[in-house]
Amino acid sequence: MILNGLAVGTCSFMAAGLFEDLTRASHTHVPGYSFIAEAIWTNPAWLCIGVLSLYANDHQPIHLIIPGSILTRNILGLGLGFFSGGITQRVQRYNPDAIFTTASLKLVCLIPLVLCSLLILAIRDEDVPGTPTDRDGSIILFSRGAAIVSLAGYIAYWFFWNITHQDLFRTEAENTVPSHSSSPTTTLNRPIKPLIFTFSLFSLLLCSVILIHTLTELPSSMPTNTTFLLTIPLPLLIHHHELVVIAKASYLNKRSSALLVAEGGTLHTALVVVPFLVLLSWVVSGRPPLTLQTPLLPLVAAGLAAWVSGVVLQDGRSNYLKGVVLLVLYFSAAIAAFLLPAS
């Protein structure tokens, strides 16, 4: 699992960077290109894992995508960024409007997951009339409706980010709009890039297939806590390149770019990837329907993490003490997930 997770993260990182370089070099302006590209290429690994999990009828990895992304990117990533930035400067300043806007939206994205869990608790009570099929139908209906609303929210977010309030997200120090990908610009020759891009996509798909097969075999081969594996180690392996980018950018005093990498990726995951998978399970017949049901502990941990990260980002300043606080929160959540029963 460790090698597969690292391979998936590496191939995803390469594919996103090469795709961005190819589109930048082509100088083409396709209508809706940015809308589609930002939705896909911020999370190609999770998109592959989610689609393959649907095919394997294993929904648990999908249910834990958002909690794992928040804990890894927004708590561990920001913690490493604040700590590494605090090594070079006592206090670092960043664009508070852009960062706090995305942090607030991230907290709002968790509301459908919370409402789905509360709805499950309410309608599955023995005193509630109706058959189990009717109750499950209500949960499925809510999940699909929330997925449609989330995708509509992403459209509004994209227009706000790229059209109506583009200047809000320009950093004063860097004077540029950070790209949707955290990948660096490559220096390969143009004829070689399409070949490597195709190879990276094929490798990403192959490694994702092997990873899903490994995850489905884990419960039968060893008594392990799959919730812990899918919430802590797996996102850490997939996003390890982003963590390095965040820490390095913070160390070089590029705080706003580092924070947008952490916040933007999670926001795309919550608004696009998971809702798309819910609707995809609706379209594809013959498969169990996917809902927004999320295990209680990861959901609570993700909610607290999103709230704490928003509070930490509110004043527009960072220091190493804030980084230590976020790292303590991450490891506390990791220990709690590790101590969950294997069942």
C-alpha atoms as a PDB file:
ATOM      1  CA  MET A   1       0.000   0.000   0.000  1.00  0.00           C
ATOM      2  CA  ILE A   2       2.822   2.431   0.816  1.00  0.00           C
ATOM      3  CA  LEU A   3       4.531   2.023  -2.543  1.00  0.00           C
ATOM      4  CA  ASN A   4       1.214   2.142  -4.402  1.00  0.00           C
ATOM      5  CA  GLY A   5       0.160   5.314  -2.590  1.00  0.00           C
ATOM      6  CA  LEU A   6       3.484   7.009  -3.317  1.00  0.00           C
ATOM      7  CA  ALA A   7       3.246   5.980  -6.968  1.00  0.00           C
ATOM      8  CA  VAL A   8      -0.302   7.331  -7.292  1.00  0.00           C
ATOM      9  CA  GLY A   9       0.704  10.635  -5.704  1.00  0.00           C
ATOM     10  CA  THR A  10       3.802  10.979  -7.889  1.00  0.00           C
ATOM     11  CA  CYS A  11       1.980  10.168 -11.141  1.00  0.00           C
ATOM     12  CA  SER A  12      -0.829  12.554 -10.226  1.00  0.00           C
ATOM     13  CA  PHE A  13       1.661  15.328  -9.481  1.00  0.00           C
ATOM     14  CA  MET A  14       3.468  14.778 -12.788  1.00  0.00           C
ATOM     15  CA  ALA A  15       0.262  14.617 -14.834  1.00  0.00           C
ATOM     16  CA  ALA A  16      -1.090  17.854 -13.354  1.00  0.00           C
ATOM     17  CA  GLY A  17       2.170  19.726 -13.957  1.00  0.00           C
ATOM     18  CA  LEU A  18       2.606  18.465 -17.520  1.00  0.00           C
ATOM     19  CA  PHE A  19      -1.014  19.208 -18.400  1.00  0.00           C
ATOM     20  CA  GLU A  20      -0.604  22.771 -17.192  1.00  0.00           C
ATOM     21  CA  ASP A  21       2.625  23.195 -19.173  1.00  0.00           C
ATOM     22  CA  LEU A  22       1.061  21.787 -22.353  1.00  0.00           C
ATOM     23  CA  THR A  23      -1.984  24.039 -22.191  1.00  0.00           C
ATOM     24  CA  ARG A  24       0.151  27.075 -21.408  1.00  0.00           C
ATOM     25  CA  ALA A  25       2.463  26.345 -24.348  1.00  0.00           C
ATOM     26  CA  SER A  26      -0.384  25.766 -26.807  1.00  0.00           C
ATOM     27  CA  HIS A  27      -1.808  29.294 -26.295  1.00  0.00           C
ATOM     28  CA  THR A  28      -5.303  28.035 -26.972  1.00  0.00           C
ATOM     29  CA  HIS A  29      -8.396  29.479 -25.332  1.00  0.00           C
ATOM     30  CA  VAL A  30     -11.094  26.838 -25.294  1.00  0.00           C
ATOM     31  CA  PRO A  31     -14.433  28.022 -23.833  1.00  0.00           C
ATOM     32  CA  GLY A  32     -14.855  26.521 -20.397  1.00  0.00           C
ATOM     33  CA  TYR A  33     -11.325  25.112 -20.408  1.00  0.00           C
ATOM     34  CA  SER A  34     -10.323  26.665 -17.092  1.00  0.00           C
ATOM     35  CA  PHE A  35     -13.599  25.563 -15.490  1.00  0.00           C
ATOM     36  CA  ILE A  36     -13.035  21.917 -16.445  1.00  0.00           C
ATOM     37  CA  ALA A  37      -9.274  21.886 -15.906  1.00  0.00           C
ATOM     38  CA  GLU A  38      -9.417  23.255 -12.384  1.00  0.00           C
ATOM     39  CA  ALA A  39     -12.110  20.741 -11.485  1.00  0.00           C
ATOM     40  CA  ILE A  40     -10.093  17.762 -12.741  1.00  0.00           C
ATOM     41  CA  TRP A  41      -6.404  18.504 -12.405  1.00  0.00           C
ATOM     42  CA  THR A  42      -6.328  19.582  -8.781  1.00  0.00           C
ATOM     43  CA  ASN A  43      -7.299  16.045  -7.724  1.00  0.00           C
ATOM     44  CA  PRO A  44      -6.615  13.518 -10.513  1.00  0.00           C
ATOM     45  CA  ALA A  45      -5.548  10.878  -7.990  1.00  0.00           C
ATOM     46  CA  TRP A  46      -8.766  11.079  -5.961  1.00  0.00           C
ATOM     47  CA  LEU A  47     -10.812  11.110  -9.147  1.00  0.00           C
ATOM     48  CA  CYS A  48      -9.209   7.855 -10.326  1.00  0.00           C
ATOM     49  CA  ILE A  49      -9.500   6.260  -6.893  1.00  0.00           C
ATOM     50  CA  GLY A  50     -13.148   7.304  -6.605  1.00  0.00           C
ATOM     51  CA  VAL A  51     -14.183   5.962 -10.008  1.00  0.00           C
ATOM     52  CA  LEU A  52     -12.366   2.677  -9.425  1.00  0.00           C
ATOM     53  CA  SER A  53     -13.928   2.378  -5.952  1.00  0.00           C
ATOM     54  CA  LEU A  54     -17.365   2.753  -7.522  1.00  0.00           C
ATOM     55  CA  TYR A  55     -16.498   0.018 -10.005  1.00  0.00           C
ATOM     56  CA  ALA A  56     -15.325  -2.225  -7.142  1.00  0.00           C
ATOM     57  CA  ASN A  57     -18.499  -1.471  -5.103  1.00  0.00           C
ATOM     58  CA  ASP A  58     -16.329  -0.200  -2.238  1.00  0.00           C
ATOM     59  CA  HIS A  59     -17.590   3.212  -1.122  1.00  0.00           C
ATOM     60  CA  GLN A  60     -15.509   3.618   2.024  1.00  0.00           C
ATOM     61  CA  PRO A  61     -12.531   5.302   0.264  1.00  0.00           C
ATOM     62  CA  ILE A  62     -14.937   7.841  -1.262  1.00  0.00           C
ATOM     63  CA  HIS A  63     -16.622   8.576   2.058  1.00  0.00           C
ATOM     64  CA  LEU A  64     -13.240   9.476   3.564  1.00  0.00           C
ATOM     65  CA  ILE A  65     -11.857  11.591   0.698  1.00  0.00           C
ATOM     66  CA  ILE A  66     -12.992  14.926   2.159  1.00  0.00           C
ATOM     67  CA  PRO A  67     -11.951  14.266   5.801  1.00  0.00           C
ATOM     68  CA  GLY A  68      -8.586  12.909   4.675  1.00  0.00           C
ATOM     69  CA  SER A  69      -7.986  15.865   2.356  1.00  0.00           C
ATOM     70  CA  ILE A  70      -8.837  18.418   5.049  1.00  0.00           C
ATOM     71  CA  LEU A  71      -6.655  16.791   7.693  1.00  0.00           C
ATOM     72  CA  THR A  72      -3.692  16.322   5.352  1.00  0.00           C
ATOM     73  CA  ARG A  73      -3.754  19.480   3.248  1.00  0.00           C
ATOM     74  CA  ASN A  74      -5.259  22.021   5.618  1.00  0.00           C
ATOM     75  CA  ILE A  75      -3.959  20.879   8.990  1.00  0.00           C
ATOM     76  CA  LEU A  76      -0.705  19.045   8.301  1.00  0.00           C
ATOM     77  CA  GLY A  77       0.098  21.159   5.227  1.00  0.00           C
ATOM     78  CA  LEU A  78      -0.612  24.483   6.909  1.00  0.00           C
ATOM     79  CA  GLY A  79       1.189  23.341  10.036  1.00  0.00           C
ATOM     80  CA  LEU A  80       4.322  22.490   8.084  1.00  0.00           C
ATOM     81  CA  GLY A  81       4.013  25.736   6.134  1.00  0.00           C
ATOM     82  CA  PHE A  82       3.639  27.916   9.218  1.00  0.00           C
ATOM     83  CA  PHE A  83       6.481  26.142  10.983  1.00  0.00           C
ATOM     84  CA  SER A  84       8.900  26.303   8.034  1.00  0.00           C
ATOM     85  CA  GLY A  85       7.999  29.934   7.390  1.00  0.00           C
ATOM     86  CA  GLY A  86       8.550  30.761  11.042  1.00  0.00           C
ATOM     87  CA  ILE A  87      12.122  29.526  10.737  1.00  0.00           C
ATOM     88  CA  THR A  88      13.046  32.295   8.290  1.00  0.00           C
ATOM     89  CA  GLN A  89      10.810  35.097   9.607  1.00  0.00           C
ATOM     90  CA  ARG A  90       9.200  35.779  12.953  1.00  0.00           C
ATOM     91  CA  VAL A  91       5.887  36.766  11.344  1.00  0.00           C
ATOM     92  CA  GLN A  92       4.759  36.246   7.745  1.00  0.00           C
ATOM     93  CA  ARG A  93       1.851  38.089   6.150  1.00  0.00           C
ATOM     94  CA  TYR A  94      -0.387  36.912   3.335  1.00  0.00           C
ATOM     95  CA  ASN A  95      -3.523  37.916   1.455  1.00  0.00           C
ATOM     96  CA  PRO A  96      -6.227  37.428   4.113  1.00  0.00           C
ATOM     97  CA  ASP A  97      -9.198  38.064   1.787  1.00  0.00           C
ATOM     98  CA  ALA A  98      -8.416  35.233  -0.613  1.00  0.00           C
ATOM     99  CA  ILE A  99      -7.363  32.724   2.021  1.00  0.00           C
ATOM    100  CA  PHE A 100     -10.186  33.362   4.456  1.00  0.00           C
ATOM    101  CA  THR A 101     -12.752  33.220   1.636  1.00  0.00           C
ATOM    102  CA  THR A 102     -11.619  29.754   0.577  1.00  0.00           C
ATOM    103  CA  ALA A 103     -11.336  28.622   4.216  1.00  0.00           C
ATOM    104  CA  SER A 104     -14.922  29.720   4.903  1.00  0.00           C
ATOM    105  CA  LEU A 105     -16.207  27.944   1.797  1.00  0.00           C
ATOM    106  CA  LYS A 106     -14.401  24.790   2.882  1.00  0.00           C
ATOM    107  CA  LEU A 107     -16.281  24.820   6.183  1.00  0.00           C
ATOM    108  CA  VAL A 108     -19.575  25.300   4.337  1.00  0.00           C
ATOM    109  CA  CYS A 109     -18.783  22.282   2.131  1.00  0.00           C
ATOM    110  CA  LEU A 110     -18.915  20.035   5.199  1.00  0.00           C
ATOM    111  CA  ILE A 111     -22.541  20.939   5.943  1.00  0.00           C
ATOM    112  CA  PRO A 112     -24.051  18.396   3.468  1.00  0.00           C
ATOM    113  CA  LEU A 113     -21.998  15.626   5.090  1.00  0.00           C
ATOM    114  CA  VAL A 114     -23.214  16.636   8.556  1.00  0.00           C
ATOM    115  CA  LEU A 115     -26.825  16.917   7.412  1.00  0.00           C
ATOM    116  CA  CYS A 116     -26.640  13.502   5.758  1.00  0.00           C
ATOM    117  CA  SER A 117     -25.368  11.925   8.981  1.00  0.00           C
ATOM    118  CA  LEU A 118     -28.106  13.636  11.016  1.00  0.00           C
ATOM    119  CA  LEU A 119     -30.721  12.534   8.492  1.00  0.00           C
ATOM    120  CA  ILE A 120     -29.532   8.942   8.783  1.00  0.00           C
ATOM    121  CA  LEU A 121     -29.835   9.076  12.571  1.00  0.00           C
ATOM    122  CA  ALA A 122     -33.320  10.578  12.327  1.00  0.00           C
ATOM    123  CA  ILE A 123     -34.985   8.361   9.729  1.00  0.00           C
ATOM    124  CA  ARG A 124     -33.463   5.089  10.905  1.00  0.00           C
ATOM    125  CA  ASP A 125     -35.082   5.413  14.305  1.00  0.00           C
ATOM    126  CA  GLU A 126     -37.482   2.557  15.012  1.00  0.00           C
ATOM    127  CA  ASP A 127     -40.334   4.972  15.745  1.00  0.00           C
ATOM    128  CA  VAL A 128     -40.136   6.559  12.283  1.00  0.00           C
ATOM    129  CA  PRO A 129     -42.763   5.072   9.927  1.00  0.00           C
ATOM    130  CA  GLY A 130     -41.768   3.582   6.610  1.00  0.00           C
ATOM    131  CA  THR A 131     -39.854   0.605   5.314  1.00  0.00           C
ATOM    132  CA  PRO A 132     -36.038   0.434   5.315  1.00  0.00           C
ATOM    133  CA  THR A 133     -36.146   0.842   1.534  1.00  0.00           C
ATOM    134  CA  ASP A 134     -38.069   4.118   1.846  1.00  0.00           C
ATOM    135  CA  ARG A 135     -35.622   5.390   4.450  1.00  0.00           C
ATOM    136  CA  ASP A 136     -32.606   4.526   2.318  1.00  0.00           C
ATOM    137  CA  GLY A 137     -34.306   6.212  -0.624  1.00  0.00           C
ATOM    138  CA  SER A 138     -34.550   9.438   1.361  1.00  0.00           C
ATOM    139  CA  ILE A 139     -30.817   9.335   2.113  1.00  0.00           C
ATOM    140  CA  ILE A 140     -29.998   8.681  -1.542  1.00  0.00           C
ATOM    141  CA  LEU A 141     -32.307  11.494  -2.673  1.00  0.00           C
ATOM    142  CA  PHE A 142     -30.694  13.959  -0.266  1.00  0.00           C
ATOM    143  CA  SER A 143     -27.182  12.948  -1.337  1.00  0.00           C
ATOM    144  CA  ARG A 144     -27.948  13.444  -5.021  1.00  0.00           C
ATOM    145  CA  GLY A 145     -29.649  16.770  -4.403  1.00  0.00           C
ATOM    146  CA  ALA A 146     -26.736  17.977  -2.275  1.00  0.00           C
ATOM    147  CA  ALA A 147     -24.311  16.876  -5.000  1.00  0.00           C
ATOM    148  CA  ILE A 148     -26.149  18.966  -7.598  1.00  0.00           C
ATOM    149  CA  VAL A 149     -26.167  21.973  -5.267  1.00  0.00           C
ATOM    150  CA  SER A 150     -22.431  21.533  -4.594  1.00  0.00           C
ATOM    151  CA  LEU A 151     -21.637  21.508  -8.309  1.00  0.00           C
ATOM    152  CA  ALA A 152     -23.733  24.657  -8.735  1.00  0.00           C
ATOM    153  CA  GLY A 153     -21.756  26.178  -5.875  1.00  0.00           C
ATOM    154  CA  TYR A 154     -18.540  25.334  -7.690  1.00  0.00           C
ATOM    155  CA  ILE A 155     -19.776  27.198 -10.781  1.00  0.00           C
ATOM    156  CA  ALA A 156     -20.443  30.277  -8.635  1.00  0.00           C
ATOM    157  CA  TYR A 157     -17.050  29.885  -6.964  1.00  0.00           C
ATOM    158  CA  TRP A 158     -15.301  29.624 -10.348  1.00  0.00           C
ATOM    159  CA  PHE A 159     -16.962  32.802 -11.656  1.00  0.00           C
ATOM    160  CA  PHE A 160     -16.094  34.601  -8.427  1.00  0.00           C
ATOM    161  CA  TRP A 161     -12.459  33.441  -8.568  1.00  0.00           C
ATOM    162  CA  ASN A 162     -11.734  33.865 -12.281  1.00  0.00           C
ATOM    163  CA  ILE A 163     -14.073  36.587 -13.538  1.00  0.00           C
ATOM    164  CA  THR A 164     -15.810  38.929 -11.102  1.00  0.00           C
ATOM    165  CA  HIS A 165     -13.265  39.078  -8.247  1.00  0.00           C
ATOM    166  CA  GLN A 166     -10.034  37.994  -9.885  1.00  0.00           C
ATOM    167  CA  ASP A 167      -8.060  40.886  -8.386  1.00  0.00           C
ATOM    168  CA  LEU A 168      -9.022  39.767  -4.892  1.00  0.00           C
ATOM    169  CA  PHE A 169      -6.866  36.675  -5.286  1.00  0.00           C
ATOM    170  CA  ARG A 170      -3.774  38.452  -6.554  1.00  0.00           C
ATOM    171  CA  THR A 171      -1.019  38.538  -3.963  1.00  0.00           C
ATOM    172  CA  GLU A 172       0.743  41.829  -3.453  1.00  0.00           C
ATOM    173  CA  ALA A 173       4.180  40.248  -3.239  1.00  0.00           C
ATOM    174  CA  GLU A 174       3.873  37.858  -6.181  1.00  0.00           C
ATOM    175  CA  ASN A 175       1.357  39.877  -8.292  1.00  0.00           C
ATOM    176  CA  THR A 176      -0.019  36.802  -9.961  1.00  0.00           C
ATOM    177  CA  VAL A 177      -2.938  34.473  -9.673  1.00  0.00           C
ATOM    178  CA  PRO A 178      -1.711  31.100  -8.435  1.00  0.00           C
ATOM    179  CA  SER A 179      -2.390  28.245 -10.798  1.00  0.00           C
ATOM    180  CA  HIS A 180      -4.866  25.514 -10.029  1.00  0.00           C
ATOM    181  CA  SER A 181      -2.047  23.012  -9.690  1.00  0.00           C
ATOM    182  CA  SER A 182       0.719  22.917  -7.124  1.00  0.00           C
ATOM    183  CA  SER A 183       3.055  21.381  -9.678  1.00  0.00           C
ATOM    184  CA  PRO A 184       6.181  23.256 -10.744  1.00  0.00           C
ATOM    185  CA  THR A 185       6.867  24.301 -14.313  1.00  0.00           C
ATOM    186  CA  THR A 186       8.836  21.651 -16.139  1.00  0.00           C
ATOM    187  CA  THR A 187      11.710  22.338 -18.546  1.00  0.00           C
ATOM    188  CA  LEU A 188      11.267  19.401 -20.931  1.00  0.00           C
ATOM    189  CA  ASN A 189      11.290  19.776 -24.704  1.00  0.00           C
ATOM    190  CA  ARG A 190       7.852  20.222 -26.249  1.00  0.00           C
ATOM    191  CA  PRO A 191       7.794  16.942 -28.286  1.00  0.00           C
ATOM    192  CA  ILE A 192       8.644  14.925 -25.178  1.00  0.00           C
ATOM    193  CA  LYS A 193       5.975  16.425 -22.926  1.00  0.00           C
ATOM    194  CA  PRO A 194       2.924  14.778 -24.567  1.00  0.00           C
ATOM    195  CA  LEU A 195       4.609  11.373 -24.382  1.00  0.00           C
ATOM    196  CA  ILE A 196       5.490  11.757 -20.710  1.00  0.00           C
ATOM    197  CA  PHE A 197       2.015  13.144 -20.001  1.00  0.00           C
ATOM    198  CA  THR A 198       0.398  10.101 -21.614  1.00  0.00           C
ATOM    199  CA  PHE A 199       2.732   7.780 -19.739  1.00  0.00           C
ATOM    200  CA  SER A 200       1.982   9.505 -16.425  1.00  0.00           C
ATOM    201  CA  LEU A 201      -1.771   9.161 -17.013  1.00  0.00           C
ATOM    202  CA  PHE A 202      -1.424   5.469 -17.835  1.00  0.00           C
ATOM    203  CA  SER A 203       0.782   4.948 -14.778  1.00  0.00           C
ATOM    204  CA  LEU A 204      -1.711   6.817 -12.584  1.00  0.00           C
ATOM    205  CA  LEU A 205      -4.558   4.608 -13.749  1.00  0.00           C
ATOM    206  CA  LEU A 206      -2.536   1.411 -13.342  1.00  0.00           C
ATOM    207  CA  CYS A 207      -1.270   2.322  -9.871  1.00  0.00           C
ATOM    208  CA  SER A 208      -4.798   3.339  -8.819  1.00  0.00           C
ATOM    209  CA  VAL A 209      -6.147  -0.051  -9.900  1.00  0.00           C
ATOM    210  CA  ILE A 210      -3.457  -1.833  -7.878  1.00  0.00           C
ATOM    211  CA  LEU A 211      -4.106   0.441  -4.886  1.00  0.00           C
ATOM    212  CA  ILE A 212      -7.856  -0.225  -4.879  1.00  0.00           C
ATOM    213  CA  HIS A 213      -7.209  -3.965  -5.156  1.00  0.00           C
ATOM    214  CA  THR A 214      -4.809  -3.737  -2.206  1.00  0.00           C
ATOM    215  CA  LEU A 215      -7.321  -1.809  -0.095  1.00  0.00           C
ATOM    216  CA  THR A 216     -10.109  -4.306  -0.779  1.00  0.00           C
ATOM    217  CA  GLU A 217      -7.849  -7.186   0.244  1.00  0.00           C
ATOM    218  CA  LEU A 218      -6.656  -5.589   3.503  1.00  0.00           C
ATOM    219  CA  PRO A 219      -9.637  -6.483   5.735  1.00  0.00           C
ATOM    220  CA  SER A 220      -9.492 -10.151   4.734  1.00  0.00           C
ATOM    221  CA  SER A 221      -5.727 -10.453   5.064  1.00  0.00           C
ATOM    222  CA  MET A 222      -5.117  -8.686   8.368  1.00  0.00           C
ATOM    223  CA  PRO A 223      -7.136  -7.178  11.233  1.00  0.00           C
ATOM    224  CA  THR A 224      -6.574  -3.506  10.510  1.00  0.00           C
ATOM    225  CA  ASN A 225      -8.435  -0.266  10.963  1.00  0.00           C
ATOM    226  CA  THR A 226      -9.385   0.736   7.434  1.00  0.00           C
ATOM    227  CA  THR A 227     -10.755   4.097   8.594  1.00  0.00           C
ATOM    228  CA  PHE A 228      -7.317   5.041   9.889  1.00  0.00           C
ATOM    229  CA  LEU A 229      -5.608   3.830   6.711  1.00  0.00           C
ATOM    230  CA  LEU A 230      -7.943   5.788   4.438  1.00  0.00           C
ATOM    231  CA  THR A 231      -7.974   8.961   6.551  1.00  0.00           C
ATOM    232  CA  ILE A 232      -4.323   9.367   7.584  1.00  0.00           C
ATOM    233  CA  PRO A 233      -1.683   7.297   5.688  1.00  0.00           C
ATOM    234  CA  LEU A 234      -3.360   7.209   2.251  1.00  0.00           C
ATOM    235  CA  PRO A 235      -3.920  10.999   1.906  1.00  0.00           C
ATOM    236  CA  LEU A 236      -0.421  11.551   3.282  1.00  0.00           C
ATOM    237  CA  LEU A 237       1.056   9.341   0.567  1.00  0.00           C
ATOM    238  CA  ILE A 238      -1.018  10.911  -2.198  1.00  0.00           C
ATOM    239  CA  HIS A 239      -0.402  14.533  -1.173  1.00  0.00           C
ATOM    240  CA  HIS A 240       3.242  14.229  -0.116  1.00  0.00           C
ATOM    241  CA  HIS A 241       4.390  16.383  -3.040  1.00  0.00           C
ATOM    242  CA  GLU A 242       1.930  19.121  -2.109  1.00  0.00           C
ATOM    243  CA  LEU A 243       3.187  19.088   1.468  1.00  0.00           C
ATOM    244  CA  VAL A 244       6.729  19.612   0.209  1.00  0.00           C
ATOM    245  CA  VAL A 245       5.569  22.454  -2.060  1.00  0.00           C
ATOM    246  CA  ILE A 246       3.723  24.161   0.808  1.00  0.00           C
ATOM    247  CA  ALA A 247       6.670  23.888   3.190  1.00  0.00           C
ATOM    248  CA  LYS A 248       9.171  25.081   0.574  1.00  0.00           C
ATOM    249  CA  ALA A 249       7.017  28.010  -0.575  1.00  0.00           C
ATOM    250  CA  SER A 250       6.532  29.116   3.023  1.00  0.00           C
ATOM    251  CA  TYR A 251      10.250  28.858   3.686  1.00  0.00           C
ATOM    252  CA  LEU A 252      10.852  31.109   0.650  1.00  0.00           C
ATOM    253  CA  ASN A 253       8.271  33.613   1.987  1.00  0.00           C
ATOM    254  CA  LYS A 254       5.646  32.836  -0.685  1.00  0.00           C
ATOM    255  CA  ARG A 255       2.891  32.405   1.851  1.00  0.00           C
ATOM    256  CA  SER A 256      -0.148  33.195  -0.285  1.00  0.00           C
ATOM    257  CA  SER A 257       0.782  30.666  -2.965  1.00  0.00           C
ATOM    258  CA  ALA A 258       1.408  27.987  -0.340  1.00  0.00           C
ATOM    259  CA  LEU A 259      -1.922  28.636   1.369  1.00  0.00           C
ATOM    260  CA  LEU A 260      -3.882  28.619  -1.881  1.00  0.00           C
ATOM    261  CA  VAL A 261      -2.366  25.239  -2.748  1.00  0.00           C
ATOM    262  CA  ALA A 262      -3.625  23.855   0.573  1.00  0.00           C
ATOM    263  CA  GLU A 263      -7.052  25.496   0.580  1.00  0.00           C
ATOM    264  CA  GLY A 264      -7.868  25.365  -3.135  1.00  0.00           C
ATOM    265  CA  GLY A 265      -7.249  21.639  -3.553  1.00  0.00           C
ATOM    266  CA  THR A 266      -9.538  20.705  -0.683  1.00  0.00           C
ATOM    267  CA  LEU A 267     -12.249  23.049  -1.933  1.00  0.00           C
ATOM    268  CA  HIS A 268     -12.204  21.409  -5.368  1.00  0.00           C
ATOM    269  CA  THR A 269     -12.400  17.989  -3.701  1.00  0.00           C
ATOM    270  CA  ALA A 270     -15.497  18.909  -1.696  1.00  0.00           C
ATOM    271  CA  LEU A 271     -17.302  20.852  -4.434  1.00  0.00           C
ATOM    272  CA  VAL A 272     -16.475  18.748  -7.497  1.00  0.00           C
ATOM    273  CA  VAL A 273     -14.874  15.331  -6.969  1.00  0.00           C
ATOM    274  CA  VAL A 274     -17.195  13.800  -4.362  1.00  0.00           C
ATOM    275  CA  PRO A 275     -20.431  15.299  -5.832  1.00  0.00           C
ATOM    276  CA  PHE A 276     -19.369  14.084  -9.286  1.00  0.00           C
ATOM    277  CA  LEU A 277     -18.879  10.572  -7.922  1.00  0.00           C
ATOM    278  CA  VAL A 278     -22.312  10.655  -6.263  1.00  0.00           C
ATOM    279  CA  LEU A 279     -23.959  11.616  -9.548  1.00  0.00           C
ATOM    280  CA  LEU A 280     -21.850   9.111 -11.474  1.00  0.00           C
ATOM    281  CA  SER A 281     -23.145   6.285  -9.280  1.00  0.00           C
ATOM    282  CA  TRP A 282     -26.648   7.537 -10.086  1.00  0.00           C
ATOM    283  CA  VAL A 283     -26.041   7.476 -13.841  1.00  0.00           C
ATOM    284  CA  VAL A 284     -24.294   4.095 -13.932  1.00  0.00           C
ATOM    285  CA  SER A 285     -26.953   1.446 -13.459  1.00  0.00           C
ATOM    286  CA  GLY A 286     -26.393  -1.840 -11.718  1.00  0.00           C
ATOM    287  CA  ARG A 287     -24.158  -0.354  -8.998  1.00  0.00           C
ATOM    288  CA  PRO A 288     -25.025   0.359  -5.351  1.00  0.00           C
ATOM    289  CA  PRO A 289     -25.932   4.058  -4.998  1.00  0.00           C
ATOM    290  CA  LEU A 290     -23.320   6.283  -3.382  1.00  0.00           C
ATOM    291  CA  THR A 291     -24.389   8.622  -0.580  1.00  0.00           C
ATOM    292  CA  LEU A 292     -22.679  11.343   1.437  1.00  0.00           C
ATOM    293  CA  GLN A 293     -22.639   9.180   4.556  1.00  0.00           C
ATOM    294  CA  THR A 294     -19.354   9.696   6.429  1.00  0.00           C
ATOM    295  CA  PRO A 295     -18.031   7.897   9.538  1.00  0.00           C
ATOM    296  CA  LEU A 296     -18.618   9.947  12.671  1.00  0.00           C
ATOM    297  CA  LEU A 297     -15.064  10.369  13.979  1.00  0.00           C
ATOM    298  CA  PRO A 298     -13.474  11.476  10.667  1.00  0.00           C
ATOM    299  CA  LEU A 299     -16.401  13.832  10.071  1.00  0.00           C
ATOM    300  CA  VAL A 300     -16.069  15.463  13.499  1.00  0.00           C
ATOM    301  CA  ALA A 301     -12.285  15.663  13.140  1.00  0.00           C
ATOM    302  CA  ALA A 302     -12.602  17.257   9.697  1.00  0.00           C
ATOM    303  CA  GLY A 303     -15.163  19.764  10.963  1.00  0.00           C
ATOM    304  CA  LEU A 304     -12.984  20.796  13.891  1.00  0.00           C
ATOM    305  CA  ALA A 305      -9.943  20.955  11.611  1.00  0.00           C
ATOM    306  CA  ALA A 306     -11.747  23.183   9.103  1.00  0.00           C
ATOM    307  CA  TRP A 307     -12.927  25.489  11.884  1.00  0.00           C
ATOM    308  CA  VAL A 308      -9.518  25.710  13.556  1.00  0.00           C
ATOM    309  CA  SER A 309      -7.729  26.363  10.261  1.00  0.00           C
ATOM    310  CA  GLY A 310     -10.200  29.159   9.493  1.00  0.00           C
ATOM    311  CA  VAL A 311      -9.594  30.761  12.883  1.00  0.00           C
ATOM    312  CA  VAL A 312      -5.826  30.489  12.472  1.00  0.00           C
ATOM    313  CA  LEU A 313      -5.962  32.134   9.026  1.00  0.00           C
ATOM    314  CA  GLN A 314      -8.265  34.947  10.084  1.00  0.00           C
ATOM    315  CA  ASP A 315      -5.681  37.587  11.033  1.00  0.00           C
ATOM    316  CA  GLY A 316      -3.574  37.250   7.852  1.00  0.00           C
ATOM    317  CA  ARG A 317      -0.377  36.396   9.741  1.00  0.00           C
ATOM    318  CA  SER A 318       1.538  33.207  10.423  1.00  0.00           C
ATOM    319  CA  ASN A 319       4.274  32.130  12.817  1.00  0.00           C
ATOM    320  CA  TYR A 320       5.842  28.899  13.983  1.00  0.00           C
ATOM    321  CA  LEU A 321       3.583  28.639  17.065  1.00  0.00           C
ATOM    322  CA  LYS A 322       0.490  28.403  14.856  1.00  0.00           C
ATOM    323  CA  GLY A 323       2.273  25.667  12.952  1.00  0.00           C
ATOM    324  CA  VAL A 324       2.916  23.734  16.146  1.00  0.00           C
ATOM    325  CA  VAL A 325      -0.756  24.048  17.144  1.00  0.00           C
ATOM    326  CA  LEU A 326      -1.914  22.657  13.789  1.00  0.00           C
ATOM    327  CA  LEU A 327       0.601  19.809  13.913  1.00  0.00           C
ATOM    328  CA  VAL A 328      -0.590  18.873  17.412  1.00  0.00           C
ATOM    329  CA  LEU A 329      -4.182  18.855  16.145  1.00  0.00           C
ATOM    330  CA  TYR A 330      -3.248  16.623  13.204  1.00  0.00           C
ATOM    331  CA  PHE A 331      -1.409  14.060  15.308  1.00  0.00           C
ATOM    332  CA  SER A 332      -4.238  14.055  17.872  1.00  0.00           C
ATOM    333  CA  ALA A 333      -6.718  13.215  15.114  1.00  0.00           C
ATOM    334  CA  ALA A 334      -4.346  10.561  13.762  1.00  0.00           C
ATOM    335  CA  ILE A 335      -4.050   8.882  17.179  1.00  0.00           C
ATOM    336  CA  ALA A 336      -7.833   8.907  17.633  1.00  0.00           C
ATOM    337  CA  ALA A 337      -8.334   7.333  14.197  1.00  0.00           C
ATOM    338  CA  PHE A 338      -5.670   4.724  14.931  1.00  0.00           C
ATOM    339  CA  LEU A 339      -7.435   3.683  18.146  1.00  0.00           C
ATOM    340  CA  LEU A 340     -10.753   3.065  16.409  1.00  0.00           C
ATOM    341  CA  PRO A 341     -11.869  -0.588  16.513  1.00  0.00           C
ATOM    342  CA  ALA A 342     -10.998  -2.554  13.395  1.00  0.00           C
ATOM    343  CA  SER A 343     -14.666  -3.349  12.789  1.00  0.00           C
END
